[in-house]
């Protein structure tokens, strides 16, 4: 349920890019930005 709520929150602003959403999720979860490898893996996972 929390995962679904977090996704809704991340998607609430339609003008954000995928990278901006990933940055927000990593900042929220880990207090840092994703590195390039993590960003590529997360994008591949989403695909």
ModelCIF file with pLDDT and N, C-alpha, C, O atoms, coordinates in Angstrom:
data_MODEL
#
_entry.id   MODEL 
#
_entity.id                         1 
_entity.type                       polymer 
_entity.pdbx_number_of_molecules   1 
#
_entity_poly.entity_id                      1 
_entity_poly.type                           'polypeptide(L)' 
_entity_poly.nstd_linkage                   no 
_entity_poly.nstd_monomer                   no 
_entity_poly.pdbx_seq_one_letter_code       
;(UNK)(UNK)(UNK)(UNK)(UNK)(UNK)(UNK)(UNK)(UNK)(UNK)(UNK)(UNK)(UNK)(UNK)(UNK)(UNK)
(UNK)(UNK)(UNK)(UNK)(UNK)(UNK)(UNK)(UNK)(UNK)(UNK)(UNK)(UNK)(UNK)(UNK)(UNK)(UNK)
(UNK)(UNK)(UNK)(UNK)(UNK)(UNK)(UNK)(UNK)(UNK)(UNK)(UNK)(UNK)(UNK)(UNK)(UNK)
;
_entity_poly.pdbx_seq_one_letter_code_can   XXXXXXXXXXXXXXXXXXXXXXXXXXXXXXXXXXXXXXXXXXXXXXX 
_entity_poly.pdbx_strand_id                 A 
#
loop_
_entity_poly_seq.entity_id 
_entity_poly_seq.num 
_entity_poly_seq.mon_id 
_entity_poly_seq.hetero 
1 1  UNK n 
1 2  UNK n 
1 3  UNK n 
1 4  UNK n 
1 5  UNK n 
1 6  UNK n 
1 7  UNK n 
1 8  UNK n 
1 9  UNK n 
1 10 UNK n 
1 11 UNK n 
1 12 UNK n 
1 13 UNK n 
1 14 UNK n 
1 15 UNK n 
1 16 UNK n 
1 17 UNK n 
1 18 UNK n 
1 19 UNK n 
1 20 UNK n 
1 21 UNK n 
1 22 UNK n 
1 23 UNK n 
1 24 UNK n 
1 25 UNK n 
1 26 UNK n 
1 27 UNK n 
1 28 UNK n 
1 29 UNK n 
1 30 UNK n 
1 31 UNK n 
1 32 UNK n 
1 33 UNK n 
1 34 UNK n 
1 35 UNK n 
1 36 UNK n 
1 37 UNK n 
1 38 UNK n 
1 39 UNK n 
1 40 UNK n 
1 41 UNK n 
1 42 UNK n 
1 43 UNK n 
1 44 UNK n 
1 45 UNK n 
1 46 UNK n 
1 47 UNK n 
#
_struct_asym.id          A 
_struct_asym.entity_id   1 
#
loop_
_ma_qa_metric.id 
_ma_qa_metric.mode 
_ma_qa_metric.name 
_ma_qa_metric.software_group_id 
_ma_qa_metric.type 
1 global pLDDT . pLDDT 
2 local  pLDDT . pLDDT 
#
_ma_qa_metric_global.metric_id      1 
_ma_qa_metric_global.metric_value   96.64 
_ma_qa_metric_global.model_id       1 
_ma_qa_metric_global.ordinal_id     1 
#
loop_
_ma_qa_metric_local.label_asym_id 
_ma_qa_metric_local.label_comp_id 
_ma_qa_metric_local.label_seq_id 
_ma_qa_metric_local.metric_id 
_ma_qa_metric_local.metric_value 
_ma_qa_metric_local.model_id 
_ma_qa_metric_local.ordinal_id 
A UNK 1  2 95.00 1 1  
A UNK 2  2 94.00 1 2  
A UNK 3  2 96.00 1 3  
A UNK 4  2 97.00 1 4  
A UNK 5  2 98.00 1 5  
A UNK 6  2 97.00 1 6  
A UNK 7  2 98.00 1 7  
A UNK 8  2 98.00 1 8  
A UNK 9  2 97.00 1 9  
A UNK 10 2 97.00 1 10 
A UNK 11 2 98.00 1 11 
A UNK 12 2 97.00 1 12 
A UNK 13 2 93.00 1 13 
A UNK 14 2 92.00 1 14 
A UNK 15 2 94.00 1 15 
A UNK 16 2 96.00 1 16 
A UNK 17 2 97.00 1 17 
A UNK 18 2 97.00 1 18 
A UNK 19 2 98.00 1 19 
A UNK 20 2 98.00 1 20 
A UNK 21 2 98.00 1 21 
A UNK 22 2 98.00 1 22 
A UNK 23 2 98.00 1 23 
A UNK 24 2 97.00 1 24 
A UNK 25 2 97.00 1 25 
A UNK 26 2 97.00 1 26 
A UNK 27 2 97.00 1 27 
A UNK 28 2 95.00 1 28 
A UNK 29 2 94.00 1 29 
A UNK 30 2 93.00 1 30 
A UNK 31 2 93.00 1 31 
A UNK 32 2 95.00 1 32 
A UNK 33 2 97.00 1 33 
A UNK 34 2 97.00 1 34 
A UNK 35 2 97.00 1 35 
A UNK 36 2 97.00 1 36 
A UNK 37 2 97.00 1 37 
A UNK 38 2 97.00 1 38 
A UNK 39 2 98.00 1 39 
A UNK 40 2 98.00 1 40 
A UNK 41 2 98.00 1 41 
A UNK 42 2 98.00 1 42 
A UNK 43 2 98.00 1 43 
A UNK 44 2 98.00 1 44 
A UNK 45 2 97.00 1 45 
A UNK 46 2 98.00 1 46 
A UNK 47 2 98.00 1 47 
#
loop_
_atom_site.group_PDB 
_atom_site.id 
_atom_site.type_symbol 
_atom_site.label_atom_id 
_atom_site.label_alt_id 
_atom_site.label_comp_id 
_atom_site.label_asym_id 
_atom_site.label_entity_id 
_atom_site.label_seq_id 
_atom_site.pdbx_PDB_ins_code 
_atom_site.Cartn_x 
_atom_site.Cartn_y 
_atom_site.Cartn_z 
_atom_site.occupancy 
_atom_site.B_iso_or_equiv 
_atom_site.pdbx_formal_charge 
_atom_site.auth_seq_id 
_atom_site.auth_comp_id 
_atom_site.auth_asym_id 
_atom_site.auth_atom_id 
_atom_site.pdbx_PDB_model_num 
ATOM 1   N N  . UNK A 1 1  ? 0.828  -1.208 0.000   1.00 95.00 ? 1  UNK A N  1 
ATOM 2   C CA . UNK A 1 1  ? 0.000  0.000  0.000   1.00 95.00 ? 1  UNK A CA 1 
ATOM 3   C C  . UNK A 1 1  ? 0.862  1.257  0.000   1.00 95.00 ? 1  UNK A C  1 
ATOM 4   O O  . UNK A 1 1  ? 0.571  2.211  -0.722  1.00 95.00 ? 1  UNK A O  1 
ATOM 5   N N  . UNK A 1 2  ? 1.913  1.261  0.802   1.00 94.00 ? 2  UNK A N  1 
ATOM 6   C CA . UNK A 1 2  ? 2.804  2.415  0.849   1.00 94.00 ? 2  UNK A CA 1 
ATOM 7   C C  . UNK A 1 2  ? 3.527  2.613  -0.477  1.00 94.00 ? 2  UNK A C  1 
ATOM 8   O O  . UNK A 1 2  ? 3.768  3.745  -0.896  1.00 94.00 ? 2  UNK A O  1 
ATOM 9   N N  . UNK A 1 3  ? 3.871  1.514  -1.132  1.00 96.00 ? 3  UNK A N  1 
ATOM 10  C CA . UNK A 1 3  ? 4.509  1.599  -2.453  1.00 96.00 ? 3  UNK A CA 1 
ATOM 11  C C  . UNK A 1 3  ? 3.565  2.268  -3.449  1.00 96.00 ? 3  UNK A C  1 
ATOM 12  O O  . UNK A 1 3  ? 3.984  3.124  -4.228  1.00 96.00 ? 3  UNK A O  1 
ATOM 13  N N  . UNK A 1 4  ? 2.304  1.878  -3.422  1.00 97.00 ? 4  UNK A N  1 
ATOM 14  C CA . UNK A 1 4  ? 1.318  2.468  -4.329  1.00 97.00 ? 4  UNK A CA 1 
ATOM 15  C C  . UNK A 1 4  ? 1.106  3.951  -4.023  1.00 97.00 ? 4  UNK A C  1 
ATOM 16  O O  . UNK A 1 4  ? 0.990  4.762  -4.941  1.00 97.00 ? 4  UNK A O  1 
ATOM 17  N N  . UNK A 1 5  ? 1.057  4.304  -2.755  1.00 98.00 ? 5  UNK A N  1 
ATOM 18  C CA . UNK A 1 5  ? 0.882  5.717  -2.377  1.00 98.00 ? 5  UNK A CA 1 
ATOM 19  C C  . UNK A 1 5  ? 2.080  6.553  -2.805  1.00 98.00 ? 5  UNK A C  1 
ATOM 20  O O  . UNK A 1 5  ? 1.929  7.684  -3.268  1.00 98.00 ? 5  UNK A O  1 
ATOM 21  N N  . UNK A 1 6  ? 3.279  5.983  -2.644  1.00 97.00 ? 6  UNK A N  1 
ATOM 22  C CA . UNK A 1 6  ? 4.491  6.696  -3.041  1.00 97.00 ? 6  UNK A CA 1 
ATOM 23  C C  . UNK A 1 6  ? 4.491  6.910  -4.553  1.00 97.00 ? 6  UNK A C  1 
ATOM 24  O O  . UNK A 1 6  ? 4.846  7.992  -5.022  1.00 97.00 ? 6  UNK A O  1 
ATOM 25  N N  . UNK A 1 7  ? 4.099  5.898  -5.316  1.00 98.00 ? 7  UNK A N  1 
ATOM 26  C CA . UNK A 1 7  ? 4.041  6.033  -6.770  1.00 98.00 ? 7  UNK A CA 1 
ATOM 27  C C  . UNK A 1 7  ? 3.052  7.129  -7.166  1.00 98.00 ? 7  UNK A C  1 
ATOM 28  O O  . UNK A 1 7  ? 3.347  7.946  -8.038  1.00 98.00 ? 7  UNK A O  1 
ATOM 29  N N  . UNK A 1 8  ? 1.895  7.145  -6.536  1.00 98.00 ? 8  UNK A N  1 
ATOM 30  C CA . UNK A 1 8  ? 0.901  8.191  -6.837  1.00 98.00 ? 8  UNK A CA 1 
ATOM 31  C C  . UNK A 1 8  ? 1.477  9.577  -6.555  1.00 98.00 ? 8  UNK A C  1 
ATOM 32  O O  . UNK A 1 8  ? 1.276  10.514 -7.327  1.00 98.00 ? 8  UNK A O  1 
ATOM 33  N N  . UNK A 1 9  ? 2.189  9.692  -5.447  1.00 97.00 ? 9  UNK A N  1 
ATOM 34  C CA . UNK A 1 9  ? 2.789  10.969 -5.081  1.00 97.00 ? 9  UNK A CA 1 
ATOM 35  C C  . UNK A 1 9  ? 3.834  11.399 -6.115  1.00 97.00 ? 9  UNK A C  1 
ATOM 36  O O  . UNK A 1 9  ? 3.879  12.563 -6.513  1.00 97.00 ? 9  UNK A O  1 
ATOM 37  N N  . UNK A 1 10 ? 4.663  10.465 -6.542  1.00 97.00 ? 10 UNK A N  1 
ATOM 38  C CA . UNK A 1 10 ? 5.715  10.767 -7.515  1.00 97.00 ? 10 UNK A CA 1 
ATOM 39  C C  . UNK A 1 10 ? 5.125  11.161 -8.866  1.00 97.00 ? 10 UNK A C  1 
ATOM 40  O O  . UNK A 1 10 ? 5.679  12.006 -9.569  1.00 97.00 ? 10 UNK A O  1 
ATOM 41  N N  . UNK A 1 11 ? 4.005  10.549 -9.223  1.00 98.00 ? 11 UNK A N  1 
ATOM 42  C CA . UNK A 1 11 ? 3.383  10.818 -10.525 1.00 98.00 ? 11 UNK A CA 1 
ATOM 43  C C  . UNK A 1 11 ? 2.394  11.977 -10.498 1.00 98.00 ? 11 UNK A C  1 
ATOM 44  O O  . UNK A 1 11 ? 1.836  12.330 -11.537 1.00 98.00 ? 11 UNK A O  1 
ATOM 45  N N  . UNK A 1 12 ? 2.170  12.571 -9.339  1.00 97.00 ? 12 UNK A N  1 
ATOM 46  C CA . UNK A 1 12 ? 1.139  13.608 -9.189  1.00 97.00 ? 12 UNK A CA 1 
ATOM 47  C C  . UNK A 1 12 ? 1.404  14.832 -10.057 1.00 97.00 ? 12 UNK A C  1 
ATOM 48  O O  . UNK A 1 12 ? 0.462  15.476 -10.519 1.00 97.00 ? 12 UNK A O  1 
ATOM 49  N N  . UNK A 1 13 ? 2.650  15.156 -10.281 1.00 93.00 ? 13 UNK A N  1 
ATOM 50  C CA . UNK A 1 13 ? 2.978  16.327 -11.098 1.00 93.00 ? 13 UNK A CA 1 
ATOM 51  C C  . UNK A 1 13 ? 3.349  15.855 -12.506 1.00 93.00 ? 13 UNK A C  1 
ATOM 52  O O  . UNK A 1 13 ? 4.448  15.341 -12.711 1.00 93.00 ? 13 UNK A O  1 
ATOM 53  N N  . UNK A 1 14 ? 2.450  16.024 -13.472 1.00 92.00 ? 14 UNK A N  1 
ATOM 54  C CA . UNK A 1 14 ? 2.667  15.454 -14.808 1.00 92.00 ? 14 UNK A CA 1 
ATOM 55  C C  . UNK A 1 14 ? 3.835  16.068 -15.579 1.00 92.00 ? 14 UNK A C  1 
ATOM 56  O O  . UNK A 1 14 ? 4.327  15.456 -16.527 1.00 92.00 ? 14 UNK A O  1 
ATOM 57  N N  . UNK A 1 15 ? 4.283  17.245 -15.203 1.00 94.00 ? 15 UNK A N  1 
ATOM 58  C CA . UNK A 1 15 ? 5.352  17.894 -15.970 1.00 94.00 ? 15 UNK A CA 1 
ATOM 59  C C  . UNK A 1 15 ? 6.750  17.363 -15.630 1.00 94.00 ? 15 UNK A C  1 
ATOM 60  O O  . UNK A 1 15 ? 7.713  17.691 -16.322 1.00 94.00 ? 15 UNK A O  1 
ATOM 61  N N  . UNK A 1 16 ? 6.872  16.561 -14.593 1.00 96.00 ? 16 UNK A N  1 
ATOM 62  C CA . UNK A 1 16 ? 8.187  16.029 -14.224 1.00 96.00 ? 16 UNK A CA 1 
ATOM 63  C C  . UNK A 1 16 ? 8.659  14.967 -15.214 1.00 96.00 ? 16 UNK A C  1 
ATOM 64  O O  . UNK A 1 16 ? 7.869  14.191 -15.753 1.00 96.00 ? 16 UNK A O  1 
ATOM 65  N N  . UNK A 1 17 ? 9.965  14.959 -15.434 1.00 97.00 ? 17 UNK A N  1 
ATOM 66  C CA . UNK A 1 17 ? 10.558 13.938 -16.299 1.00 97.00 ? 17 UNK A CA 1 
ATOM 67  C C  . UNK A 1 17 ? 10.821 12.674 -15.482 1.00 97.00 ? 17 UNK A C  1 
ATOM 68  O O  . UNK A 1 17 ? 10.743 12.687 -14.254 1.00 97.00 ? 17 UNK A O  1 
ATOM 69  N N  . UNK A 1 18 ? 11.129 11.602 -16.171 1.00 97.00 ? 18 UNK A N  1 
ATOM 70  C CA . UNK A 1 18 ? 11.472 10.353 -15.497 1.00 97.00 ? 18 UNK A CA 1 
ATOM 71  C C  . UNK A 1 18 ? 12.684 10.559 -14.604 1.00 97.00 ? 18 UNK A C  1 
ATOM 72  O O  . UNK A 1 18 ? 12.700 10.088 -13.467 1.00 97.00 ? 18 UNK A O  1 
ATOM 73  N N  . UNK A 1 19 ? 13.696 11.254 -15.100 1.00 98.00 ? 19 UNK A N  1 
ATOM 74  C CA . UNK A 1 19 ? 14.899 11.499 -14.284 1.00 98.00 ? 19 UNK A CA 1 
ATOM 75  C C  . UNK A 1 19 ? 14.573 12.306 -13.035 1.00 98.00 ? 19 UNK A C  1 
ATOM 76  O O  . UNK A 1 19 ? 15.111 12.024 -11.964 1.00 98.00 ? 19 UNK A O  1 
ATOM 77  N N  . UNK A 1 20 ? 13.708 13.297 -13.152 1.00 98.00 ? 20 UNK A N  1 
ATOM 78  C CA . UNK A 1 20 ? 13.318 14.090 -11.980 1.00 98.00 ? 20 UNK A CA 1 
ATOM 79  C C  . UNK A 1 20 ? 12.573 13.228 -10.963 1.00 98.00 ? 20 UNK A C  1 
ATOM 80  O O  . UNK A 1 20 ? 12.759 13.377 -9.755  1.00 98.00 ? 20 UNK A O  1 
ATOM 81  N N  . UNK A 1 21 ? 11.741 12.337 -11.456 1.00 98.00 ? 21 UNK A N  1 
ATOM 82  C CA . UNK A 1 21 ? 11.020 11.430 -10.552 1.00 98.00 ? 21 UNK A CA 1 
ATOM 83  C C  . UNK A 1 21 ? 11.992 10.479 -9.849  1.00 98.00 ? 21 UNK A C  1 
ATOM 84  O O  . UNK A 1 21 ? 11.882 10.250 -8.644  1.00 98.00 ? 21 UNK A O  1 
ATOM 85  N N  . UNK A 1 22 ? 12.934 9.934  -10.603 1.00 98.00 ? 22 UNK A N  1 
ATOM 86  C CA . UNK A 1 22 ? 13.929 9.036  -10.002 1.00 98.00 ? 22 UNK A CA 1 
ATOM 87  C C  . UNK A 1 22 ? 14.765 9.783  -8.963  1.00 98.00 ? 22 UNK A C  1 
ATOM 88  O O  . UNK A 1 22 ? 15.048 9.247  -7.891  1.00 98.00 ? 22 UNK A O  1 
ATOM 89  N N  . UNK A 1 23 ? 15.157 11.012 -9.276  1.00 98.00 ? 23 UNK A N  1 
ATOM 90  C CA . UNK A 1 23 ? 15.912 11.811 -8.309  1.00 98.00 ? 23 UNK A CA 1 
ATOM 91  C C  . UNK A 1 23 ? 15.121 11.985 -7.016  1.00 98.00 ? 23 UNK A C  1 
ATOM 92  O O  . UNK A 1 23 ? 15.667 11.836 -5.923  1.00 98.00 ? 23 UNK A O  1 
ATOM 93  N N  . UNK A 1 24 ? 13.841 12.300 -7.144  1.00 97.00 ? 24 UNK A N  1 
ATOM 94  C CA . UNK A 1 24 ? 13.000 12.499 -5.959  1.00 97.00 ? 24 UNK A CA 1 
ATOM 95  C C  . UNK A 1 24 ? 12.874 11.212 -5.145  1.00 97.00 ? 24 UNK A C  1 
ATOM 96  O O  . UNK A 1 24 ? 12.930 11.243 -3.916  1.00 97.00 ? 24 UNK A O  1 
ATOM 97  N N  . UNK A 1 25 ? 12.707 10.099 -5.820  1.00 97.00 ? 25 UNK A N  1 
ATOM 98  C CA . UNK A 1 25 ? 12.567 8.831  -5.097  1.00 97.00 ? 25 UNK A CA 1 
ATOM 99  C C  . UNK A 1 25 ? 13.854 8.481  -4.347  1.00 97.00 ? 25 UNK A C  1 
ATOM 100 O O  . UNK A 1 25 ? 13.807 8.070  -3.187  1.00 97.00 ? 25 UNK A O  1 
ATOM 101 N N  . UNK A 1 26 ? 14.991 8.643  -5.002  1.00 97.00 ? 26 UNK A N  1 
ATOM 102 C CA . UNK A 1 26 ? 16.265 8.335  -4.343  1.00 97.00 ? 26 UNK A CA 1 
ATOM 103 C C  . UNK A 1 26 ? 16.550 9.306  -3.203  1.00 97.00 ? 26 UNK A C  1 
ATOM 104 O O  . UNK A 1 26 ? 17.071 8.901  -2.164  1.00 97.00 ? 26 UNK A O  1 
ATOM 105 N N  . UNK A 1 27 ? 16.215 10.580 -3.384  1.00 97.00 ? 27 UNK A N  1 
ATOM 106 C CA . UNK A 1 27 ? 16.405 11.536 -2.286  1.00 97.00 ? 27 UNK A CA 1 
ATOM 107 C C  . UNK A 1 27 ? 15.529 11.154 -1.094  1.00 97.00 ? 27 UNK A C  1 
ATOM 108 O O  . UNK A 1 27 ? 15.974 11.212 0.052   1.00 97.00 ? 27 UNK A O  1 
ATOM 109 N N  . UNK A 1 28 ? 14.303 10.770 -1.364  1.00 95.00 ? 28 UNK A N  1 
ATOM 110 C CA . UNK A 1 28 ? 13.382 10.397 -0.291  1.00 95.00 ? 28 UNK A CA 1 
ATOM 111 C C  . UNK A 1 28 ? 13.829 9.119  0.413   1.00 95.00 ? 28 UNK A C  1 
ATOM 112 O O  . UNK A 1 28 ? 13.826 9.051  1.642   1.00 95.00 ? 28 UNK A O  1 
ATOM 113 N N  . UNK A 1 29 ? 14.211 8.112  -0.359  1.00 94.00 ? 29 UNK A N  1 
ATOM 114 C CA . UNK A 1 29 ? 14.561 6.813  0.223   1.00 94.00 ? 29 UNK A CA 1 
ATOM 115 C C  . UNK A 1 29 ? 15.948 6.786  0.842   1.00 94.00 ? 29 UNK A C  1 
ATOM 116 O O  . UNK A 1 29 ? 16.143 6.217  1.916   1.00 94.00 ? 29 UNK A O  1 
ATOM 117 N N  . UNK A 1 30 ? 16.913 7.402  0.164   1.00 93.00 ? 30 UNK A N  1 
ATOM 118 C CA . UNK A 1 30 ? 18.313 7.231  0.562   1.00 93.00 ? 30 UNK A CA 1 
ATOM 119 C C  . UNK A 1 30 ? 19.049 8.535  0.870   1.00 93.00 ? 30 UNK A C  1 
ATOM 120 O O  . UNK A 1 30 ? 20.234 8.510  1.201   1.00 93.00 ? 30 UNK A O  1 
ATOM 121 N N  . UNK A 1 31 ? 18.361 9.671  0.764   1.00 93.00 ? 31 UNK A N  1 
ATOM 122 C CA . UNK A 1 31 ? 18.955 10.981 1.034   1.00 93.00 ? 31 UNK A CA 1 
ATOM 123 C C  . UNK A 1 31 ? 20.140 11.273 0.110   1.00 93.00 ? 31 UNK A C  1 
ATOM 124 O O  . UNK A 1 31 ? 21.127 11.893 0.506   1.00 93.00 ? 31 UNK A O  1 
ATOM 125 N N  . UNK A 1 32 ? 20.008 10.808 -1.126  1.00 95.00 ? 32 UNK A N  1 
ATOM 126 C CA . UNK A 1 32 ? 21.043 11.058 -2.141  1.00 95.00 ? 32 UNK A CA 1 
ATOM 127 C C  . UNK A 1 32 ? 20.422 10.862 -3.518  1.00 95.00 ? 32 UNK A C  1 
ATOM 128 O O  . UNK A 1 32 ? 19.322 10.325 -3.650  1.00 95.00 ? 32 UNK A O  1 
ATOM 129 N N  . UNK A 1 33 ? 21.142 11.304 -4.535  1.00 97.00 ? 33 UNK A N  1 
ATOM 130 C CA . UNK A 1 33 ? 20.695 11.098 -5.911  1.00 97.00 ? 33 UNK A CA 1 
ATOM 131 C C  . UNK A 1 33 ? 21.206 9.754  -6.422  1.00 97.00 ? 33 UNK A C  1 
ATOM 132 O O  . UNK A 1 33 ? 22.215 9.249  -5.929  1.00 97.00 ? 33 UNK A O  1 
ATOM 133 N N  . UNK A 1 34 ? 20.523 9.173  -7.400  1.00 97.00 ? 34 UNK A N  1 
ATOM 134 C CA . UNK A 1 34 ? 21.032 7.924  -7.974  1.00 97.00 ? 34 UNK A CA 1 
ATOM 135 C C  . UNK A 1 34 ? 22.259 8.198  -8.836  1.00 97.00 ? 34 UNK A C  1 
ATOM 136 O O  . UNK A 1 34 ? 22.355 9.242  -9.482  1.00 97.00 ? 34 UNK A O  1 
ATOM 137 N N  . UNK A 1 35 ? 23.201 7.246  -8.841  1.00 97.00 ? 35 UNK A N  1 
ATOM 138 C CA . UNK A 1 35 ? 24.320 7.400  -9.770  1.00 97.00 ? 35 UNK A CA 1 
ATOM 139 C C  . UNK A 1 35 ? 23.851 6.950  -11.155 1.00 97.00 ? 35 UNK A C  1 
ATOM 140 O O  . UNK A 1 35 ? 22.722 6.483  -11.307 1.00 97.00 ? 35 UNK A O  1 
ATOM 141 N N  . UNK A 1 36 ? 24.702 7.087  -12.146 1.00 97.00 ? 36 UNK A N  1 
ATOM 142 C CA . UNK A 1 36 ? 24.288 6.787  -13.525 1.00 97.00 ? 36 UNK A CA 1 
ATOM 143 C C  . UNK A 1 36 ? 23.904 5.321  -13.700 1.00 97.00 ? 36 UNK A C  1 
ATOM 144 O O  . UNK A 1 36 ? 22.960 5.013  -14.427 1.00 97.00 ? 36 UNK A O  1 
ATOM 145 N N  . UNK A 1 37 ? 24.618 4.424  -13.050 1.00 97.00 ? 37 UNK A N  1 
ATOM 146 C CA . UNK A 1 37 ? 24.294 3.002  -13.148 1.00 97.00 ? 37 UNK A CA 1 
ATOM 147 C C  . UNK A 1 37 ? 22.930 2.713  -12.515 1.00 97.00 ? 37 UNK A C  1 
ATOM 148 O O  . UNK A 1 37 ? 22.131 1.958  -13.070 1.00 97.00 ? 37 UNK A O  1 
ATOM 149 N N  . UNK A 1 38 ? 22.671 3.311  -11.364 1.00 97.00 ? 38 UNK A N  1 
ATOM 150 C CA . UNK A 1 38 ? 21.368 3.133  -10.698 1.00 97.00 ? 38 UNK A CA 1 
ATOM 151 C C  . UNK A 1 38 ? 20.238 3.730  -11.538 1.00 97.00 ? 38 UNK A C  1 
ATOM 152 O O  . UNK A 1 38 ? 19.156 3.152  -11.637 1.00 97.00 ? 38 UNK A O  1 
ATOM 153 N N  . UNK A 1 39 ? 20.499 4.882  -12.135 1.00 98.00 ? 39 UNK A N  1 
ATOM 154 C CA . UNK A 1 39 ? 19.482 5.534  -12.969 1.00 98.00 ? 39 UNK A CA 1 
ATOM 155 C C  . UNK A 1 39 ? 19.158 4.650  -14.184 1.00 98.00 ? 39 UNK A C  1 
ATOM 156 O O  . UNK A 1 39 ? 17.993 4.479  -14.545 1.00 98.00 ? 39 UNK A O  1 
ATOM 157 N N  . UNK A 1 40 ? 20.194 4.100  -14.800 1.00 98.00 ? 40 UNK A N  1 
ATOM 158 C CA . UNK A 1 40 ? 19.976 3.224  -15.961 1.00 98.00 ? 40 UNK A CA 1 
ATOM 159 C C  . UNK A 1 40 ? 19.229 1.963  -15.552 1.00 98.00 ? 40 UNK A C  1 
ATOM 160 O O  . UNK A 1 40 ? 18.332 1.515  -16.266 1.00 98.00 ? 40 UNK A O  1 
ATOM 161 N N  . UNK A 1 41 ? 19.590 1.388  -14.412 1.00 98.00 ? 41 UNK A N  1 
ATOM 162 C CA . UNK A 1 41 ? 18.923 0.174  -13.937 1.00 98.00 ? 41 UNK A CA 1 
ATOM 163 C C  . UNK A 1 41 ? 17.458 0.457  -13.591 1.00 98.00 ? 41 UNK A C  1 
ATOM 164 O O  . UNK A 1 41 ? 16.581 -0.349 -13.902 1.00 98.00 ? 41 UNK A O  1 
ATOM 165 N N  . UNK A 1 42 ? 17.196 1.584  -12.959 1.00 98.00 ? 42 UNK A N  1 
ATOM 166 C CA . UNK A 1 42 ? 15.822 1.938  -12.592 1.00 98.00 ? 42 UNK A CA 1 
ATOM 167 C C  . UNK A 1 42 ? 14.977 2.190  -13.841 1.00 98.00 ? 42 UNK A C  1 
ATOM 168 O O  . UNK A 1 42 ? 13.815 1.789  -13.897 1.00 98.00 ? 42 UNK A O  1 
ATOM 169 N N  . UNK A 1 43 ? 15.556 2.849  -14.833 1.00 98.00 ? 43 UNK A N  1 
ATOM 170 C CA . UNK A 1 43 ? 14.828 3.107  -16.074 1.00 98.00 ? 43 UNK A CA 1 
ATOM 171 C C  . UNK A 1 43 ? 14.536 1.795  -16.804 1.00 98.00 ? 43 UNK A C  1 
ATOM 172 O O  . UNK A 1 43 ? 13.435 1.597  -17.318 1.00 98.00 ? 43 UNK A O  1 
ATOM 173 N N  . UNK A 1 44 ? 15.523 0.907  -16.848 1.00 98.00 ? 44 UNK A N  1 
ATOM 174 C CA . UNK A 1 44 ? 15.310 -0.405 -17.475 1.00 98.00 ? 44 UNK A CA 1 
ATOM 175 C C  . UNK A 1 44 ? 14.234 -1.184 -16.725 1.00 98.00 ? 44 UNK A C  1 
ATOM 176 O O  . UNK A 1 44 ? 13.397 -1.845 -17.339 1.00 98.00 ? 44 UNK A O  1 
ATOM 177 N N  . UNK A 1 45 ? 14.260 -1.105 -15.400 1.00 97.00 ? 45 UNK A N  1 
ATOM 178 C CA . UNK A 1 45 ? 13.245 -1.776 -14.588 1.00 97.00 ? 45 UNK A CA 1 
ATOM 179 C C  . UNK A 1 45 ? 11.858 -1.237 -14.918 1.00 97.00 ? 45 UNK A C  1 
ATOM 180 O O  . UNK A 1 45 ? 10.913 -2.008 -15.088 1.00 97.00 ? 45 UNK A O  1 
ATOM 181 N N  . UNK A 1 46 ? 11.735 0.084  -15.009 1.00 98.00 ? 46 UNK A N  1 
ATOM 182 C CA . UNK A 1 46 ? 10.446 0.694  -15.338 1.00 98.00 ? 46 UNK A CA 1 
ATOM 183 C C  . UNK A 1 46 ? 9.964  0.258  -16.724 1.00 98.00 ? 46 UNK A C  1 
ATOM 184 O O  . UNK A 1 46 ? 8.778  -0.005 -16.923 1.00 98.00 ? 46 UNK A O  1 
ATOM 185 N N  . UNK A 1 47 ? 10.888 0.186  -17.673 1.00 98.00 ? 47 UNK A N  1 
ATOM 186 C CA . UNK A 1 47 ? 10.524 -0.269 -19.017 1.00 98.00 ? 47 UNK A CA 1 
ATOM 187 C C  . UNK A 1 47 ? 10.007 -1.703 -18.985 1.00 98.00 ? 47 UNK A C  1 
ATOM 188 O O  . UNK A 1 47 ? 9.652  -2.255 -20.026 1.00 98.00 ? 47 UNK A O  1 
#
